Protein backbone atom coordinates (compact mmCIF):
# COMPACT_ATOMS: atom_id res chain seq x y z
CA UNK A 1 0.00 0.00 0.00
CA UNK A 2 1.40 3.41 -0.91
CA UNK A 3 1.42 6.44 1.36
CA UNK A 4 -1.29 8.01 -0.81
CA UNK A 5 -3.50 4.95 -0.41
CA UNK A 6 -2.96 4.94 3.36
CA UNK A 7 -3.86 8.63 3.66
CA UNK A 8 -6.95 8.23 1.48
CA UNK A 9 -8.10 5.18 3.45
CA UNK A 10 -7.73 7.15 6.68
CA UNK A 11 -9.59 10.08 5.17
CA UNK A 12 -12.41 7.76 4.07
CA UNK A 13 -12.56 6.40 7.60
CA UNK A 14 -13.05 9.92 8.97
CA UNK A 15 -16.08 10.19 6.70
CA UNK A 16 -18.08 13.35 7.04
CA UNK A 17 -16.39 14.64 10.19
CA UNK A 18 -15.90 18.38 9.95
CA UNK A 19 -12.24 19.26 10.48
CA UNK A 20 -11.10 22.84 10.75
CA UNK A 21 -7.47 23.88 11.16
CA UNK A 22 -6.05 27.29 12.00
CA UNK A 23 -2.28 27.06 11.86
CA UNK A 24 -1.73 30.75 12.66
CA UNK A 25 -3.55 30.49 15.99
CA UNK A 26 -2.54 26.84 16.48
CA UNK A 27 -5.87 25.11 16.94
CA UNK A 28 -7.64 22.15 15.34
CA UNK A 29 -11.34 21.33 15.60
CA UNK A 30 -12.47 17.78 14.81
CA UNK A 31 -16.22 17.36 14.76
CA UNK A 32 -18.14 18.98 17.58
CA UNK A 33 -16.27 17.32 20.43
CA UNK A 34 -12.51 17.51 19.85
CA UNK A 35 -10.53 20.73 20.10
CA UNK A 36 -6.73 20.75 20.04
CA UNK A 37 -4.66 23.81 20.80
CA UNK A 38 -1.10 24.82 21.49
CA UNK A 39 1.55 22.09 21.26
CA UNK A 40 -0.95 19.32 20.54
CA UNK A 41 -2.41 21.27 17.61
CA UNK A 42 1.08 22.17 16.35
CA UNK A 43 2.06 18.48 16.26
CA UNK A 44 -1.14 17.64 14.34
CA UNK A 45 -0.57 20.48 11.85
CA UNK A 46 3.13 19.66 11.36
CA UNK A 47 2.39 15.97 10.79
CA UNK A 48 -0.36 16.78 8.28
CA UNK A 49 1.99 19.07 6.37
CA UNK A 50 4.74 16.44 6.42
CA UNK A 51 2.37 13.80 5.00
CA UNK A 52 1.07 16.26 2.41
CA UNK A 53 4.59 17.12 1.24
CA UNK A 54 5.78 13.51 1.26
CA UNK A 55 2.80 12.03 -0.59
CA UNK A 56 2.58 14.87 -3.08
CA UNK A 57 -0.69 13.77 -4.63
CA UNK A 58 -3.23 14.23 -1.83
CA UNK A 59 -4.86 17.35 -0.49
CA UNK A 60 -4.05 18.79 2.91
CA UNK A 61 -7.68 18.20 3.89
CA UNK A 62 -7.20 14.48 3.23
CA UNK A 63 -4.15 14.53 5.51
CA UNK A 64 -6.16 16.26 8.24
CA UNK A 65 -8.93 13.67 7.92
CA UNK A 66 -6.41 10.82 8.01
CA UNK A 67 -4.88 12.15 11.25
CA UNK A 68 -8.31 12.77 12.78
CA UNK A 69 -9.12 9.03 12.86
CA UNK A 70 -7.68 8.24 16.33
CA UNK A 71 -9.47 11.26 17.81
CA UNK A 72 -12.75 10.11 16.28
CA UNK A 73 -12.14 6.59 17.64
CA UNK A 74 -11.77 8.00 21.14
CA UNK A 75 -15.32 9.38 20.93
CA UNK A 76 -16.89 5.97 20.36
PDB file of N, CA and C in Angstrom:
ATOM      1  N   UNK A   1       0.847  -1.168   0.000  1.00  0.00           N
ATOM      2  CA  UNK A   1       0.000   0.000   0.000  1.00  0.00           C
ATOM      3  C   UNK A   1       0.897   1.238   0.000  1.00  0.00           C
ATOM      4  N   UNK A   2       0.601   2.187  -0.847  1.00  0.00           N
ATOM      5  CA  UNK A   2       1.400   3.410  -0.914  1.00  0.00           C
ATOM      6  C   UNK A   2       0.951   4.397   0.156  1.00  0.00           C
ATOM      7  N   UNK A   3       1.769   5.406   0.390  1.00  0.00           N
ATOM      8  CA  UNK A   3       1.424   6.442   1.358  1.00  0.00           C
ATOM      9  C   UNK A   3       0.115   7.127   0.956  1.00  0.00           C
ATOM     10  N   UNK A   4      -0.046   7.392  -0.323  1.00  0.00           N
ATOM     11  CA  UNK A   4      -1.285   8.014  -0.814  1.00  0.00           C
ATOM     12  C   UNK A   4      -2.495   7.152  -0.483  1.00  0.00           C
ATOM     13  N   UNK A   5      -2.388   5.862  -0.695  1.00  0.00           N
ATOM     14  CA  UNK A   5      -3.499   4.951  -0.407  1.00  0.00           C
ATOM     15  C   UNK A   5      -3.805   4.916   1.087  1.00  0.00           C
ATOM     16  N   UNK A   6      -2.769   4.942   1.901  1.00  0.00           N
ATOM     17  CA  UNK A   6      -2.965   4.938   3.356  1.00  0.00           C
ATOM     18  C   UNK A   6      -3.673   6.214   3.807  1.00  0.00           C
ATOM     19  N   UNK A   7      -3.243   7.351   3.300  1.00  0.00           N
ATOM     20  CA  UNK A   7      -3.861   8.633   3.661  1.00  0.00           C
ATOM     21  C   UNK A   7      -5.310   8.653   3.215  1.00  0.00           C
ATOM     22  N   UNK A   8      -5.577   8.217   1.987  1.00  0.00           N
ATOM     23  CA  UNK A   8      -6.954   8.229   1.484  1.00  0.00           C
ATOM     24  C   UNK A   8      -7.846   7.268   2.249  1.00  0.00           C
ATOM     25  N   UNK A   9      -7.321   6.120   2.645  1.00  0.00           N
ATOM     26  CA  UNK A   9      -8.103   5.180   3.450  1.00  0.00           C
ATOM     27  C   UNK A   9      -8.447   5.803   4.803  1.00  0.00           C
ATOM     28  N   UNK A  10      -7.474   6.472   5.409  1.00  0.00           N
ATOM     29  CA  UNK A  10      -7.727   7.152   6.676  1.00  0.00           C
ATOM     30  C   UNK A  10      -8.736   8.273   6.527  1.00  0.00           C
ATOM     31  N   UNK A  11      -8.645   8.997   5.427  1.00  0.00           N
ATOM     32  CA  UNK A  11      -9.589  10.083   5.167  1.00  0.00           C
ATOM     33  C   UNK A  11     -10.998   9.524   4.963  1.00  0.00           C
ATOM     34  N   UNK A  12     -11.102   8.404   4.253  1.00  0.00           N
ATOM     35  CA  UNK A  12     -12.407   7.763   4.065  1.00  0.00           C
ATOM     36  C   UNK A  12     -12.991   7.334   5.401  1.00  0.00           C
ATOM     37  N   UNK A  13     -12.131   6.836   6.282  1.00  0.00           N
ATOM     38  CA  UNK A  13     -12.561   6.400   7.603  1.00  0.00           C
ATOM     39  C   UNK A  13     -13.161   7.571   8.394  1.00  0.00           C
ATOM     40  N   UNK A  14     -12.558   8.742   8.249  1.00  0.00           N
ATOM     41  CA  UNK A  14     -13.052   9.921   8.969  1.00  0.00           C
ATOM     42  C   UNK A  14     -14.418  10.348   8.457  1.00  0.00           C
ATOM     43  N   UNK A  15     -14.749   9.936   7.249  1.00  0.00           N
ATOM     44  CA  UNK A  15     -16.079  10.192   6.700  1.00  0.00           C
ATOM     45  C   UNK A  15     -16.415  11.658   6.608  1.00  0.00           C
ATOM     46  N   UNK A  16     -17.559  11.990   7.150  1.00  0.00           N
ATOM     47  CA  UNK A  16     -18.081  13.349   7.043  1.00  0.00           C
ATOM     48  C   UNK A  16     -17.711  14.246   8.214  1.00  0.00           C
ATOM     49  N   UNK A  17     -16.783  13.820   9.033  1.00  0.00           N
ATOM     50  CA  UNK A  17     -16.387  14.639  10.186  1.00  0.00           C
ATOM     51  C   UNK A  17     -15.861  15.987   9.701  1.00  0.00           C
ATOM     52  N   UNK A  18     -16.349  17.034  10.308  1.00  0.00           N
ATOM     53  CA  UNK A  18     -15.899  18.384   9.950  1.00  0.00           C
ATOM     54  C   UNK A  18     -14.594  18.670  10.684  1.00  0.00           C
ATOM     55  N   UNK A  19     -13.557  18.980   9.906  1.00  0.00           N
ATOM     56  CA  UNK A  19     -12.242  19.256  10.477  1.00  0.00           C
ATOM     57  C   UNK A  19     -11.827  20.653  10.049  1.00  0.00           C
ATOM     58  N   UNK A  20     -11.515  21.467  11.026  1.00  0.00           N
ATOM     59  CA  UNK A  20     -11.096  22.841  10.752  1.00  0.00           C
ATOM     60  C   UNK A  20      -9.742  23.066  11.410  1.00  0.00           C
ATOM     61  N   UNK A  21      -8.826  23.663  10.662  1.00  0.00           N
ATOM     62  CA  UNK A  21      -7.468  23.883  11.159  1.00  0.00           C
ATOM     63  C   UNK A  21      -7.100  25.352  11.004  1.00  0.00           C
ATOM     64  N   UNK A  22      -6.551  25.930  12.062  1.00  0.00           N
ATOM     65  CA  UNK A  22      -6.049  27.295  12.003  1.00  0.00           C
ATOM     66  C   UNK A  22      -4.596  27.240  12.473  1.00  0.00           C
ATOM     67  N   UNK A  23      -3.688  27.209  11.493  1.00  0.00           N
ATOM     68  CA  UNK A  23      -2.276  27.063  11.858  1.00  0.00           C
ATOM     69  C   UNK A  23      -1.700  28.337  12.455  1.00  0.00           C
ATOM     70  N   UNK A  24      -2.239  29.496  12.113  1.00  0.00           N
ATOM     71  CA  UNK A  24      -1.728  30.751  12.661  1.00  0.00           C
ATOM     72  C   UNK A  24      -2.007  30.853  14.168  1.00  0.00           C
ATOM     73  N   UNK A  25      -3.191  30.431  14.574  1.00  0.00           N
ATOM     74  CA  UNK A  25      -3.549  30.493  15.993  1.00  0.00           C
ATOM     75  C   UNK A  25      -3.352  29.150  16.698  1.00  0.00           C
ATOM     76  N   UNK A  26      -2.854  28.162  15.960  1.00  0.00           N
ATOM     77  CA  UNK A  26      -2.544  26.837  16.484  1.00  0.00           C
ATOM     78  C   UNK A  26      -3.721  26.172  17.195  1.00  0.00           C
ATOM     79  N   UNK A  27      -4.778  25.912  16.424  1.00  0.00           N
ATOM     80  CA  UNK A  27      -5.874  25.110  16.944  1.00  0.00           C
ATOM     81  C   UNK A  27      -6.445  24.243  15.830  1.00  0.00           C
ATOM     82  N   UNK A  28      -7.034  23.116  16.249  1.00  0.00           N
ATOM     83  CA  UNK A  28      -7.644  22.149  15.342  1.00  0.00           C
ATOM     84  C   UNK A  28      -8.971  21.733  15.966  1.00  0.00           C
ATOM     85  N   UNK A  29     -10.023  21.774  15.161  1.00  0.00           N
ATOM     86  CA  UNK A  29     -11.336  21.331  15.602  1.00  0.00           C
ATOM     87  C   UNK A  29     -11.716  20.105  14.776  1.00  0.00           C
ATOM     88  N   UNK A  30     -12.071  19.021  15.465  1.00  0.00           N
ATOM     89  CA  UNK A  30     -12.472  17.780  14.806  1.00  0.00           C
ATOM     90  C   UNK A  30     -13.878  17.458  15.280  1.00  0.00           C
ATOM     91  N   UNK A  31     -14.833  17.571  14.369  1.00  0.00           N
ATOM     92  CA  UNK A  31     -16.221  17.364  14.757  1.00  0.00           C
ATOM     93  C   UNK A  31     -16.644  18.422  15.763  1.00  0.00           C
ATOM     94  N   UNK A  32     -17.626  18.050  16.576  1.00  0.00           N
ATOM     95  CA  UNK A  32     -18.139  18.978  17.583  1.00  0.00           C
ATOM     96  C   UNK A  32     -17.514  18.761  18.958  1.00  0.00           C
ATOM     97  N   UNK A  33     -16.704  17.701  19.097  1.00  0.00           N
ATOM     98  CA  UNK A  33     -16.270  17.317  20.434  1.00  0.00           C
ATOM     99  C   UNK A  33     -14.766  17.352  20.683  1.00  0.00           C
ATOM    100  N   UNK A  34     -13.961  17.534  19.657  1.00  0.00           N
ATOM    101  CA  UNK A  34     -12.507  17.507  19.845  1.00  0.00           C
ATOM    102  C   UNK A  34     -11.927  18.859  19.457  1.00  0.00           C
ATOM    103  N   UNK A  35     -11.178  19.443  20.367  1.00  0.00           N
ATOM    104  CA  UNK A  35     -10.526  20.726  20.102  1.00  0.00           C
ATOM    105  C   UNK A  35      -9.094  20.637  20.602  1.00  0.00           C
ATOM    106  N   UNK A  36      -8.149  20.769  19.688  1.00  0.00           N
ATOM    107  CA  UNK A  36      -6.732  20.750  20.039  1.00  0.00           C
ATOM    108  C   UNK A  36      -6.197  22.167  19.966  1.00  0.00           C
ATOM    109  N   UNK A  37      -5.284  22.490  20.858  1.00  0.00           N
ATOM    110  CA  UNK A  37      -4.663  23.813  20.803  1.00  0.00           C
ATOM    111  C   UNK A  37      -3.231  23.729  21.307  1.00  0.00           C
ATOM    112  N   UNK A  38      -2.478  24.757  21.030  1.00  0.00           N
ATOM    113  CA  UNK A  38      -1.098  24.820  21.492  1.00  0.00           C
ATOM    114  C   UNK A  38      -0.231  23.732  20.886  1.00  0.00           C
ATOM    115  N   UNK A  39       0.598  23.100  21.732  1.00  0.00           N
ATOM    116  CA  UNK A  39       1.549  22.088  21.265  1.00  0.00           C
ATOM    117  C   UNK A  39       0.861  20.917  20.579  1.00  0.00           C
ATOM    118  N   UNK A  40      -0.250  20.464  21.131  1.00  0.00           N
ATOM    119  CA  UNK A  40      -0.954  19.324  20.542  1.00  0.00           C
ATOM    120  C   UNK A  40      -1.445  19.648  19.128  1.00  0.00           C
ATOM    121  N   UNK A  41      -1.973  20.842  18.950  1.00  0.00           N
ATOM    122  CA  UNK A  41      -2.410  21.272  17.615  1.00  0.00           C
ATOM    123  C   UNK A  41      -1.219  21.422  16.681  1.00  0.00           C
ATOM    124  N   UNK A  42      -0.118  21.976  17.186  1.00  0.00           N
ATOM    125  CA  UNK A  42       1.082  22.172  16.354  1.00  0.00           C
ATOM    126  C   UNK A  42       1.612  20.842  15.840  1.00  0.00           C
ATOM    127  N   UNK A  43       1.611  19.805  16.689  1.00  0.00           N
ATOM    128  CA  UNK A  43       2.059  18.477  16.263  1.00  0.00           C
ATOM    129  C   UNK A  43       1.136  17.940  15.162  1.00  0.00           C
ATOM    130  N   UNK A  44      -0.167  18.088  15.339  1.00  0.00           N
ATOM    131  CA  UNK A  44      -1.144  17.641  14.344  1.00  0.00           C
ATOM    132  C   UNK A  44      -0.908  18.358  13.018  1.00  0.00           C
ATOM    133  N   UNK A  45      -0.767  19.664  13.058  1.00  0.00           N
ATOM    134  CA  UNK A  45      -0.567  20.480  11.855  1.00  0.00           C
ATOM    135  C   UNK A  45       0.743  20.121  11.165  1.00  0.00           C
ATOM    136  N   UNK A  46       1.816  20.005  11.932  1.00  0.00           N
ATOM    137  CA  UNK A  46       3.125  19.662  11.355  1.00  0.00           C
ATOM    138  C   UNK A  46       3.106  18.290  10.700  1.00  0.00           C
ATOM    139  N   UNK A  47       2.463  17.319  11.348  1.00  0.00           N
ATOM    140  CA  UNK A  47       2.393  15.967  10.787  1.00  0.00           C
ATOM    141  C   UNK A  47       1.557  15.955   9.504  1.00  0.00           C
ATOM    142  N   UNK A  48       0.457  16.694   9.489  1.00  0.00           N
ATOM    143  CA  UNK A  48      -0.361  16.776   8.278  1.00  0.00           C
ATOM    144  C   UNK A  48       0.433  17.385   7.128  1.00  0.00           C
ATOM    145  N   UNK A  49       1.182  18.437   7.415  1.00  0.00           N
ATOM    146  CA  UNK A  49       1.986  19.073   6.366  1.00  0.00           C
ATOM    147  C   UNK A  49       3.106  18.156   5.893  1.00  0.00           C
ATOM    148  N   UNK A  50       3.699  17.378   6.810  1.00  0.00           N
ATOM    149  CA  UNK A  50       4.739  16.435   6.421  1.00  0.00           C
ATOM    150  C   UNK A  50       4.172  15.361   5.489  1.00  0.00           C
ATOM    151  N   UNK A  51       3.007  14.809   5.851  1.00  0.00           N
ATOM    152  CA  UNK A  51       2.365  13.804   4.999  1.00  0.00           C
ATOM    153  C   UNK A  51       2.010  14.382   3.639  1.00  0.00           C
ATOM    154  N   UNK A  52       1.472  15.585   3.635  1.00  0.00           N
ATOM    155  CA  UNK A  52       1.066  16.256   2.406  1.00  0.00           C
ATOM    156  C   UNK A  52       2.267  16.455   1.483  1.00  0.00           C
ATOM    157  N   UNK A  53       3.375  16.906   2.036  1.00  0.00           N
ATOM    158  CA  UNK A  53       4.587  17.118   1.236  1.00  0.00           C
ATOM    159  C   UNK A  53       5.193  15.802   0.760  1.00  0.00           C
ATOM    160  N   UNK A  54       5.170  14.793   1.617  1.00  0.00           N
ATOM    161  CA  UNK A  54       5.777  13.512   1.261  1.00  0.00           C
ATOM    162  C   UNK A  54       4.960  12.764   0.210  1.00  0.00           C
ATOM    163  N   UNK A  55       3.644  12.758   0.363  1.00  0.00           N
ATOM    164  CA  UNK A  55       2.798  12.026  -0.587  1.00  0.00           C
ATOM    165  C   UNK A  55       2.734  12.756  -1.924  1.00  0.00           C
ATOM    166  N   UNK A  56       2.567  14.063  -1.872  1.00  0.00           N
ATOM    167  CA  UNK A  56       2.585  14.867  -3.078  1.00  0.00           C
ATOM    168  C   UNK A  56       1.336  14.840  -3.934  1.00  0.00           C
ATOM    169  N   UNK A  57       0.490  13.848  -3.770  1.00  0.00           N
ATOM    170  CA  UNK A  57      -0.687  13.775  -4.635  1.00  0.00           C
ATOM    171  C   UNK A  57      -1.996  13.635  -3.856  1.00  0.00           C
ATOM    172  N   UNK A  58      -2.016  14.160  -2.642  1.00  0.00           N
ATOM    173  CA  UNK A  58      -3.231  14.228  -1.834  1.00  0.00           C
ATOM    174  C   UNK A  58      -3.398  15.659  -1.353  1.00  0.00           C
ATOM    175  N   UNK A  59      -4.611  16.010  -1.011  1.00  0.00           N
ATOM    176  CA  UNK A  59      -4.863  17.346  -0.486  1.00  0.00           C
ATOM    177  C   UNK A  59      -4.575  17.415   1.003  1.00  0.00           C
ATOM    178  N   UNK A  60      -4.306  18.614   1.478  1.00  0.00           N
ATOM    179  CA  UNK A  60      -4.045  18.786   2.911  1.00  0.00           C
ATOM    180  C   UNK A  60      -5.271  18.382   3.725  1.00  0.00           C
ATOM    181  N   UNK A  61      -6.462  18.603   3.178  1.00  0.00           N
ATOM    182  CA  UNK A  61      -7.680  18.200   3.887  1.00  0.00           C
ATOM    183  C   UNK A  61      -7.761  16.687   4.049  1.00  0.00           C
ATOM    184  N   UNK A  62      -7.246  15.936   3.087  1.00  0.00           N
ATOM    185  CA  UNK A  62      -7.196  14.478   3.226  1.00  0.00           C
ATOM    186  C   UNK A  62      -6.220  14.078   4.327  1.00  0.00           C
ATOM    187  N   UNK A  63      -5.123  14.795   4.446  1.00  0.00           N
ATOM    188  CA  UNK A  63      -4.147  14.526   5.510  1.00  0.00           C
ATOM    189  C   UNK A  63      -4.752  14.836   6.871  1.00  0.00           C
ATOM    190  N   UNK A  64      -5.483  15.931   6.978  1.00  0.00           N
ATOM    191  CA  UNK A  64      -6.162  16.263   8.241  1.00  0.00           C
ATOM    192  C   UNK A  64      -7.130  15.153   8.619  1.00  0.00           C
ATOM    193  N   UNK A  65      -7.938  14.713   7.646  1.00  0.00           N
ATOM    194  CA  UNK A  65      -8.929  13.674   7.917  1.00  0.00           C
ATOM    195  C   UNK A  65      -8.253  12.373   8.332  1.00  0.00           C
ATOM    196  N   UNK A  66      -7.158  12.027   7.666  1.00  0.00           N
ATOM    197  CA  UNK A  66      -6.409  10.817   8.015  1.00  0.00           C
ATOM    198  C   UNK A  66      -5.936  10.881   9.472  1.00  0.00           C
ATOM    199  N   UNK A  67      -5.390  11.999   9.877  1.00  0.00           N
ATOM    200  CA  UNK A  67      -4.878  12.146  11.247  1.00  0.00           C
ATOM    201  C   UNK A  67      -5.993  12.267  12.278  1.00  0.00           C
ATOM    202  N   UNK A  68      -7.194  12.617  11.855  1.00  0.00           N
ATOM    203  CA  UNK A  68      -8.313  12.767  12.777  1.00  0.00           C
ATOM    204  C   UNK A  68      -8.866  11.425  13.258  1.00  0.00           C
ATOM    205  N   UNK A  69      -8.566  10.339  12.537  1.00  0.00           N
ATOM    206  CA  UNK A  69      -9.116   9.027  12.856  1.00  0.00           C
ATOM    207  C   UNK A  69      -8.990   8.614  14.319  1.00  0.00           C
ATOM    208  N   UNK A  70      -7.804   8.662  14.907  1.00  0.00           N
ATOM    209  CA  UNK A  70      -7.680   8.243  16.327  1.00  0.00           C
ATOM    210  C   UNK A  70      -8.516   9.110  17.274  1.00  0.00           C
ATOM    211  N   UNK A  71      -8.641  10.376  16.967  1.00  0.00           N
ATOM    212  CA  UNK A  71      -9.466  11.263  17.809  1.00  0.00           C
ATOM    213  C   UNK A  71     -10.943  10.868  17.707  1.00  0.00           C
ATOM    214  N   UNK A  72     -11.374  10.539  16.487  1.00  0.00           N
ATOM    215  CA  UNK A  72     -12.747  10.110  16.279  1.00  0.00           C
ATOM    216  C   UNK A  72     -13.001   8.777  16.978  1.00  0.00           C
ATOM    217  N   UNK A  73     -12.018   7.882  16.948  1.00  0.00           N
ATOM    218  CA  UNK A  73     -12.137   6.589  17.638  1.00  0.00           C
ATOM    219  C   UNK A  73     -12.339   6.797  19.131  1.00  0.00           C
ATOM    220  N   UNK A  74     -11.682   7.784  19.691  1.00  0.00           N
ATOM    221  CA  UNK A  74     -11.772   7.996  21.137  1.00  0.00           C
ATOM    222  C   UNK A  74     -13.165   8.462  21.564  1.00  0.00           C
ATOM    223  N   UNK A  75     -13.969   8.921  20.614  1.00  0.00           N
ATOM    224  CA  UNK A  75     -15.318   9.380  20.932  1.00  0.00           C
ATOM    225  C   UNK A  75     -16.332   8.240  20.974  1.00  0.00           C
ATOM    226  N   UNK A  76     -15.952   7.103  20.426  1.00  0.00           N
ATOM    227  CA  UNK A  76     -16.889   5.973  20.365  1.00  0.00           C
ATOM    228  C   UNK A  76     -16.965   5.217  21.657  1.00  0.00           C
TER     229      UNK A  76
END
